[in-house]
Amino acid sequence: MDDATRAAAIEAFLGDVAADPPTGQPAPDAASDPDRRAGSVEQPRPAPIGAPERTWARLVDRAEWDRAVAAESLRVARFGNPVTVVMAELAQLDALSDRLGRQAADQVVAEIARLIESESRVADSIAHLSHGSFGALLLETGEDGATRYIDRLRAAADGWLEDAGLTLRLSLGSAAAPAGADLAGAVGVAQRRMYEAAREPYRR
């Protein structure tokens, strides 16, 4: 398939997604879902797809992200509550843009942003840091909870990208902020792990 044909196919696929947005799904029963039981604050709770509390346009920018990291650093230093940083990036997005055009790349970024939001709680701070690069602060969440969040997000992103006929993947890295530590350090660790994940061979 040549690039022009592939671009048209991707745009058609993305158009179908936009024309038929996912509907809200019933919430799982709390008794059968340990992550949603009363009193559990460790696990990220995904907002229902299409939930009105958040839309892709409400992702904060880098300046607001920096302010959120600074504010959360103060809270962690004072109270020691768990928080985990997750960094995500669409590897090889620039190559896709060069081949198929910026519009196709923008559509892919928008869909990945929607997936990130659908797997996140309203309380979590999520940022669109640059084209195809995202950050998330998972509040009251340790490394185990963040691992489950990453696994869900990776599965959703991989499935969508494969269905769209794309070979690029969403690289993810996370780091928990130790009590009393500077959250900016966890951001750096999560980013480094994200870059390391981008270099690893893709395994379905």
C-alpha atoms as a PDB file:
ATOM      1  CA  MET A   1       0.000   0.000   0.000  1.00  0.00           C
ATOM      2  CA  ASP A   2       1.483   3.371  -0.990  1.00  0.00           C
ATOM      3  CA  ASP A   3       1.566   6.323   1.378  1.00  0.00           C
ATOM      4  CA  ALA A   4      -1.294   8.185  -0.292  1.00  0.00           C
ATOM      5  CA  THR A   5      -3.575   5.146  -0.082  1.00  0.00           C
ATOM      6  CA  ARG A   6      -2.535   4.494   3.516  1.00  0.00           C
ATOM      7  CA  ALA A   7      -3.194   8.125   4.481  1.00  0.00           C
ATOM      8  CA  ALA A   8      -6.655   7.962   2.925  1.00  0.00           C
ATOM      9  CA  ALA A   9      -7.402   4.716   4.761  1.00  0.00           C
ATOM     10  CA  ILE A  10      -6.269   6.173   8.085  1.00  0.00           C
ATOM     11  CA  GLU A  11      -8.328   9.330   7.581  1.00  0.00           C
ATOM     12  CA  ALA A  12     -11.378   7.210   6.742  1.00  0.00           C
ATOM     13  CA  PHE A  13     -10.822   5.093   9.848  1.00  0.00           C
ATOM     14  CA  LEU A  14     -10.407   8.164  12.034  1.00  0.00           C
ATOM     15  CA  GLY A  15     -13.469   9.749  10.467  1.00  0.00           C
ATOM     16  CA  ASP A  16     -15.532   6.702  11.396  1.00  0.00           C
ATOM     17  CA  VAL A  17     -14.284   6.940  14.982  1.00  0.00           C
ATOM     18  CA  ALA A  18     -15.169  10.636  15.195  1.00  0.00           C
ATOM     19  CA  ALA A  19     -18.590  10.108  13.633  1.00  0.00           C
ATOM     20  CA  ASP A  20     -19.507   7.325  16.044  1.00  0.00           C
ATOM     21  CA  PRO A  21     -18.159   8.258  19.493  1.00  0.00           C
ATOM     22  CA  PRO A  22     -18.142   5.568  22.151  1.00  0.00           C
ATOM     23  CA  THR A  23     -21.096   5.591  24.468  1.00  0.00           C
ATOM     24  CA  GLY A  24     -20.831   5.443  28.240  1.00  0.00           C
ATOM     25  CA  GLN A  25     -20.599   1.984  29.713  1.00  0.00           C
ATOM     26  CA  PRO A  26     -22.211   0.843  32.959  1.00  0.00           C
ATOM     27  CA  ALA A  27     -19.833   1.034  35.896  1.00  0.00           C
ATOM     28  CA  PRO A  28     -18.539  -2.324  37.113  1.00  0.00           C
ATOM     29  CA  ASP A  29     -20.084  -3.685  40.283  1.00  0.00           C
ATOM     30  CA  ALA A  30     -17.953  -2.609  43.247  1.00  0.00           C
ATOM     31  CA  ALA A  31     -18.128  -6.068  44.802  1.00  0.00           C
ATOM     32  CA  SER A  32     -16.606  -7.707  41.735  1.00  0.00           C
ATOM     33  CA  ASP A  33     -14.001  -5.011  41.054  1.00  0.00           C
ATOM     34  CA  PRO A  34     -11.468  -4.673  43.913  1.00  0.00           C
ATOM     35  CA  ASP A  35     -10.098  -1.444  42.444  1.00  0.00           C
ATOM     36  CA  ARG A  36     -13.494   0.240  42.983  1.00  0.00           C
ATOM     37  CA  ARG A  37     -14.306  -1.008  46.494  1.00  0.00           C
ATOM     38  CA  ALA A  38     -15.078   1.545  49.159  1.00  0.00           C
ATOM     39  CA  GLY A  39     -11.992   2.904  50.854  1.00  0.00           C
ATOM     40  CA  SER A  40      -9.605   2.026  48.032  1.00  0.00           C
ATOM     41  CA  VAL A  41      -7.462   5.004  47.090  1.00  0.00           C
ATOM     42  CA  GLU A  42      -4.480   3.152  45.620  1.00  0.00           C
ATOM     43  CA  GLN A  43      -5.746   2.276  42.166  1.00  0.00           C
ATOM     44  CA  PRO A  44      -6.522   4.771  39.390  1.00  0.00           C
ATOM     45  CA  ARG A  45     -10.225   4.681  38.590  1.00  0.00           C
ATOM     46  CA  PRO A  46     -10.909   5.333  34.897  1.00  0.00           C
ATOM     47  CA  ALA A  47     -13.606   7.820  34.043  1.00  0.00           C
ATOM     48  CA  PRO A  48     -16.265   6.333  31.727  1.00  0.00           C
ATOM     49  CA  ILE A  49     -15.501   6.842  28.053  1.00  0.00           C
ATOM     50  CA  GLY A  50     -17.311   9.950  26.947  1.00  0.00           C
ATOM     51  CA  ALA A  51     -17.738  11.199  30.523  1.00  0.00           C
ATOM     52  CA  PRO A  52     -18.746  14.874  30.563  1.00  0.00           C
ATOM     53  CA  GLU A  53     -16.324  15.777  33.369  1.00  0.00           C
ATOM     54  CA  ARG A  54     -13.360  15.910  31.002  1.00  0.00           C
ATOM     55  CA  THR A  55     -12.742  16.264  27.306  1.00  0.00           C
ATOM     56  CA  TRP A  56      -9.561  16.155  25.247  1.00  0.00           C
ATOM     57  CA  ALA A  57      -9.620  19.958  25.036  1.00  0.00           C
ATOM     58  CA  ARG A  58      -9.257  20.148  28.823  1.00  0.00           C
ATOM     59  CA  LEU A  59      -5.768  18.635  28.956  1.00  0.00           C
ATOM     60  CA  VAL A  60      -3.500  21.260  30.472  1.00  0.00           C
ATOM     61  CA  ASP A  61      -0.467  22.692  28.680  1.00  0.00           C
ATOM     62  CA  ARG A  62       3.178  22.523  29.761  1.00  0.00           C
ATOM     63  CA  ALA A  63       3.011  25.713  31.848  1.00  0.00           C
ATOM     64  CA  GLU A  64       0.009  24.418  33.808  1.00  0.00           C
ATOM     65  CA  TRP A  65       1.716  21.027  34.120  1.00  0.00           C
ATOM     66  CA  ASP A  66       4.808  22.645  35.660  1.00  0.00           C
ATOM     67  CA  ARG A  67       2.582  24.458  38.157  1.00  0.00           C
ATOM     68  CA  ALA A  68       0.763  21.208  39.009  1.00  0.00           C
ATOM     69  CA  VAL A  69       4.084  19.402  39.566  1.00  0.00           C
ATOM     70  CA  ALA A  70       5.300  22.211  41.847  1.00  0.00           C
ATOM     71  CA  ALA A  71       2.049  22.258  43.842  1.00  0.00           C
ATOM     72  CA  GLU A  72       1.972  18.477  44.186  1.00  0.00           C
ATOM     73  CA  SER A  73       5.628  18.492  45.297  1.00  0.00           C
ATOM     74  CA  LEU A  74       4.661  20.702  48.228  1.00  0.00           C
ATOM     75  CA  ARG A  75       1.775  18.401  49.141  1.00  0.00           C
ATOM     76  CA  VAL A  76       3.975  15.285  48.979  1.00  0.00           C
ATOM     77  CA  ALA A  77       6.659  16.967  51.111  1.00  0.00           C
ATOM     78  CA  ARG A  78       4.091  18.018  53.709  1.00  0.00           C
ATOM     79  CA  PHE A  79       1.793  15.006  53.911  1.00  0.00           C
ATOM     80  CA  GLY A  80       3.692  12.180  52.222  1.00  0.00           C
ATOM     81  CA  ASN A  81       0.647  11.015  50.237  1.00  0.00           C
ATOM     82  CA  PRO A  82       1.555   8.723  47.324  1.00  0.00           C
ATOM     83  CA  VAL A  83       1.685  10.148  43.810  1.00  0.00           C
ATOM     84  CA  THR A  84       3.076   8.583  40.650  1.00  0.00           C
ATOM     85  CA  VAL A  85       4.182  10.332  37.486  1.00  0.00           C
ATOM     86  CA  VAL A  86       3.425   8.745  34.109  1.00  0.00           C
ATOM     87  CA  MET A  87       5.024  10.031  30.917  1.00  0.00           C
ATOM     88  CA  ALA A  88       3.803   8.961  27.471  1.00  0.00           C
ATOM     89  CA  GLU A  89       4.970   9.673  23.952  1.00  0.00           C
ATOM     90  CA  LEU A  90       4.036   8.524  20.465  1.00  0.00           C
ATOM     91  CA  ALA A  91       7.357   7.271  19.148  1.00  0.00           C
ATOM     92  CA  GLN A  92       8.090   8.011  15.474  1.00  0.00           C
ATOM     93  CA  LEU A  93       5.223  10.482  15.197  1.00  0.00           C
ATOM     94  CA  ASP A  94       7.391  12.886  13.189  1.00  0.00           C
ATOM     95  CA  ALA A  95       8.078  10.140  10.629  1.00  0.00           C
ATOM     96  CA  LEU A  96       4.337   9.512  10.328  1.00  0.00           C
ATOM     97  CA  SER A  97       3.726  13.228   9.828  1.00  0.00           C
ATOM     98  CA  ASP A  98       6.402  13.385   7.123  1.00  0.00           C
ATOM     99  CA  ARG A  99       4.874  10.426   5.293  1.00  0.00           C
ATOM    100  CA  LEU A 100       1.152  11.011   5.662  1.00  0.00           C
ATOM    101  CA  GLY A 101       0.838  14.690   6.540  1.00  0.00           C
ATOM    102  CA  ARG A 102       0.389  16.723   9.695  1.00  0.00           C
ATOM    103  CA  GLN A 103      -3.402  16.381   9.627  1.00  0.00           C
ATOM    104  CA  ALA A 104      -3.218  12.588   9.909  1.00  0.00           C
ATOM    105  CA  ALA A 105      -0.672  12.896  12.728  1.00  0.00           C
ATOM    106  CA  ASP A 106      -2.880  15.415  14.539  1.00  0.00           C
ATOM    107  CA  GLN A 107      -5.837  13.049  14.330  1.00  0.00           C
ATOM    108  CA  VAL A 108      -3.767  10.239  15.837  1.00  0.00           C
ATOM    109  CA  VAL A 109      -2.600  12.514  18.681  1.00  0.00           C
ATOM    110  CA  ALA A 110      -6.195  13.541  19.409  1.00  0.00           C
ATOM    111  CA  GLU A 111      -7.345   9.936  19.612  1.00  0.00           C
ATOM    112  CA  ILE A 112      -4.472   8.954  21.918  1.00  0.00           C
ATOM    113  CA  ALA A 113      -5.317  11.955  24.119  1.00  0.00           C
ATOM    114  CA  ARG A 114      -8.900  10.701  24.326  1.00  0.00           C
ATOM    115  CA  LEU A 115      -7.683   7.253  25.350  1.00  0.00           C
ATOM    116  CA  ILE A 116      -5.407   8.698  28.026  1.00  0.00           C
ATOM    117  CA  GLU A 117      -8.333  10.639  29.457  1.00  0.00           C
ATOM    118  CA  SER A 118     -10.689   7.688  29.307  1.00  0.00           C
ATOM    119  CA  GLU A 119      -8.257   5.620  31.398  1.00  0.00           C
ATOM    120  CA  SER A 120      -7.686   8.398  33.955  1.00  0.00           C
ATOM    121  CA  ARG A 121      -9.626   9.744  36.907  1.00  0.00           C
ATOM    122  CA  VAL A 122     -10.994  13.260  36.908  1.00  0.00           C
ATOM    123  CA  ALA A 123      -8.757  14.034  39.910  1.00  0.00           C
ATOM    124  CA  ASP A 124      -5.586  13.168  37.999  1.00  0.00           C
ATOM    125  CA  SER A 125      -3.661  15.986  36.306  1.00  0.00           C
ATOM    126  CA  ILE A 126      -3.087  15.207  32.614  1.00  0.00           C
ATOM    127  CA  ALA A 127      -1.073  17.365  30.250  1.00  0.00           C
ATOM    128  CA  HIS A 128      -0.395  17.598  26.530  1.00  0.00           C
ATOM    129  CA  LEU A 129       3.266  18.609  26.767  1.00  0.00           C
ATOM    130  CA  SER A 130       4.147  18.701  23.075  1.00  0.00           C
ATOM    131  CA  HIS A 131       2.945  17.121  19.840  1.00  0.00           C
ATOM    132  CA  GLY A 132       2.405  13.484  20.787  1.00  0.00           C
ATOM    133  CA  SER A 133       3.877  13.827  24.305  1.00  0.00           C
ATOM    134  CA  PHE A 134       1.809  13.601  27.502  1.00  0.00           C
ATOM    135  CA  GLY A 135       2.205  13.580  31.262  1.00  0.00           C
ATOM    136  CA  ALA A 136      -0.056  12.415  34.077  1.00  0.00           C
ATOM    137  CA  LEU A 137       0.039  12.843  37.847  1.00  0.00           C
ATOM    138  CA  LEU A 138      -1.792   9.918  39.429  1.00  0.00           C
ATOM    139  CA  LEU A 139      -2.782  11.122  42.891  1.00  0.00           C
ATOM    140  CA  GLU A 140      -2.998   8.737  45.845  1.00  0.00           C
ATOM    141  CA  THR A 141      -1.423   6.093  43.631  1.00  0.00           C
ATOM    142  CA  GLY A 142       1.715   4.022  44.168  1.00  0.00           C
ATOM    143  CA  GLU A 143       3.747   2.055  41.648  1.00  0.00           C
ATOM    144  CA  ASP A 144       1.437  -0.982  41.647  1.00  0.00           C
ATOM    145  CA  GLY A 145      -1.590   1.136  40.812  1.00  0.00           C
ATOM    146  CA  ALA A 146       0.374   3.011  38.152  1.00  0.00           C
ATOM    147  CA  THR A 147       1.455  -0.285  36.574  1.00  0.00           C
ATOM    148  CA  ARG A 148      -2.173  -1.300  36.173  1.00  0.00           C
ATOM    149  CA  TYR A 149      -2.990   2.117  34.683  1.00  0.00           C
ATOM    150  CA  ILE A 150      -0.111   1.779  32.205  1.00  0.00           C
ATOM    151  CA  ASP A 151      -1.145  -1.748  31.250  1.00  0.00           C
ATOM    152  CA  ARG A 152      -4.695  -0.605  30.497  1.00  0.00           C
ATOM    153  CA  LEU A 153      -3.519   2.423  28.557  1.00  0.00           C
ATOM    154  CA  ARG A 154      -0.946   0.471  26.557  1.00  0.00           C
ATOM    155  CA  ALA A 155      -3.521  -2.173  25.620  1.00  0.00           C
ATOM    156  CA  ALA A 156      -6.043   0.465  24.535  1.00  0.00           C
ATOM    157  CA  ALA A 157      -3.490   2.455  22.527  1.00  0.00           C
ATOM    158  CA  ASP A 158      -1.919  -0.595  20.888  1.00  0.00           C
ATOM    159  CA  GLY A 159      -5.316  -1.943  19.897  1.00  0.00           C
ATOM    160  CA  TRP A 160      -6.420   1.346  18.373  1.00  0.00           C
ATOM    161  CA  LEU A 161      -3.156   1.956  16.512  1.00  0.00           C
ATOM    162  CA  GLU A 162      -3.176  -1.561  15.096  1.00  0.00           C
ATOM    163  CA  ASP A 163      -6.787  -1.203  13.974  1.00  0.00           C
ATOM    164  CA  ALA A 164      -5.812   2.040  12.232  1.00  0.00           C
ATOM    165  CA  GLY A 165      -3.029   0.230  10.348  1.00  0.00           C
ATOM    166  CA  LEU A 166      -0.261   2.192  12.069  1.00  0.00           C
ATOM    167  CA  THR A 167       3.107   0.817  13.181  1.00  0.00           C
ATOM    168  CA  LEU A 168       3.981   3.529  15.727  1.00  0.00           C
ATOM    169  CA  ARG A 169       3.458   2.792  19.417  1.00  0.00           C
ATOM    170  CA  LEU A 170       2.807   4.706  22.624  1.00  0.00           C
ATOM    171  CA  SER A 171       5.895   4.556  24.856  1.00  0.00           C
ATOM    172  CA  LEU A 172       5.227   4.833  28.596  1.00  0.00           C
ATOM    173  CA  GLY A 173       7.297   5.296  31.734  1.00  0.00           C
ATOM    174  CA  SER A 174       6.392   5.875  35.367  1.00  0.00           C
ATOM    175  CA  ALA A 175       7.992   6.734  38.697  1.00  0.00           C
ATOM    176  CA  ALA A 176       6.555   7.110  42.192  1.00  0.00           C
ATOM    177  CA  ALA A 177       7.622  10.095  44.277  1.00  0.00           C
ATOM    178  CA  PRO A 178       9.108   8.994  47.626  1.00  0.00           C
ATOM    179  CA  ALA A 179       7.663  10.730  50.667  1.00  0.00           C
ATOM    180  CA  GLY A 180       9.328  14.094  51.162  1.00  0.00           C
ATOM    181  CA  ALA A 181      11.032  13.979  47.764  1.00  0.00           C
ATOM    182  CA  ASP A 182      10.914  16.545  44.968  1.00  0.00           C
ATOM    183  CA  LEU A 183       8.315  15.415  42.446  1.00  0.00           C
ATOM    184  CA  ALA A 184      10.410  16.889  39.624  1.00  0.00           C
ATOM    185  CA  GLY A 185      12.893  14.069  40.230  1.00  0.00           C
ATOM    186  CA  ALA A 186      10.143  11.496  39.635  1.00  0.00           C
ATOM    187  CA  VAL A 187       9.205  13.303  36.416  1.00  0.00           C
ATOM    188  CA  GLY A 188      12.790  12.898  35.193  1.00  0.00           C
ATOM    189  CA  VAL A 189      12.881   9.206  36.102  1.00  0.00           C
ATOM    190  CA  ALA A 190       9.539   8.550  34.397  1.00  0.00           C
ATOM    191  CA  GLN A 191      10.743  10.336  31.281  1.00  0.00           C
ATOM    192  CA  ARG A 192      13.949   8.306  31.179  1.00  0.00           C
ATOM    193  CA  ARG A 193      11.977   5.076  31.522  1.00  0.00           C
ATOM    194  CA  MET A 194       9.680   6.229  28.723  1.00  0.00           C
ATOM    195  CA  TYR A 195      12.671   6.724  26.412  1.00  0.00           C
ATOM    196  CA  GLU A 196      14.018   3.304  27.398  1.00  0.00           C
ATOM    197  CA  ALA A 197      10.657   1.727  26.588  1.00  0.00           C
ATOM    198  CA  ALA A 198      10.701   3.382  23.164  1.00  0.00           C
ATOM    199  CA  ARG A 199      13.954   1.558  22.367  1.00  0.00           C
ATOM    200  CA  GLU A 200      12.606  -1.846  23.339  1.00  0.00           C
ATOM    201  CA  PRO A 201      11.329  -4.187  20.596  1.00  0.00           C
ATOM    202  CA  TYR A 202       7.545  -4.132  20.329  1.00  0.00           C
ATOM    203  CA  ARG A 203       5.854  -7.283  21.653  1.00  0.00           C
ATOM    204  CA  ARG A 204       2.166  -7.939  21.117  1.00  0.00           C
END
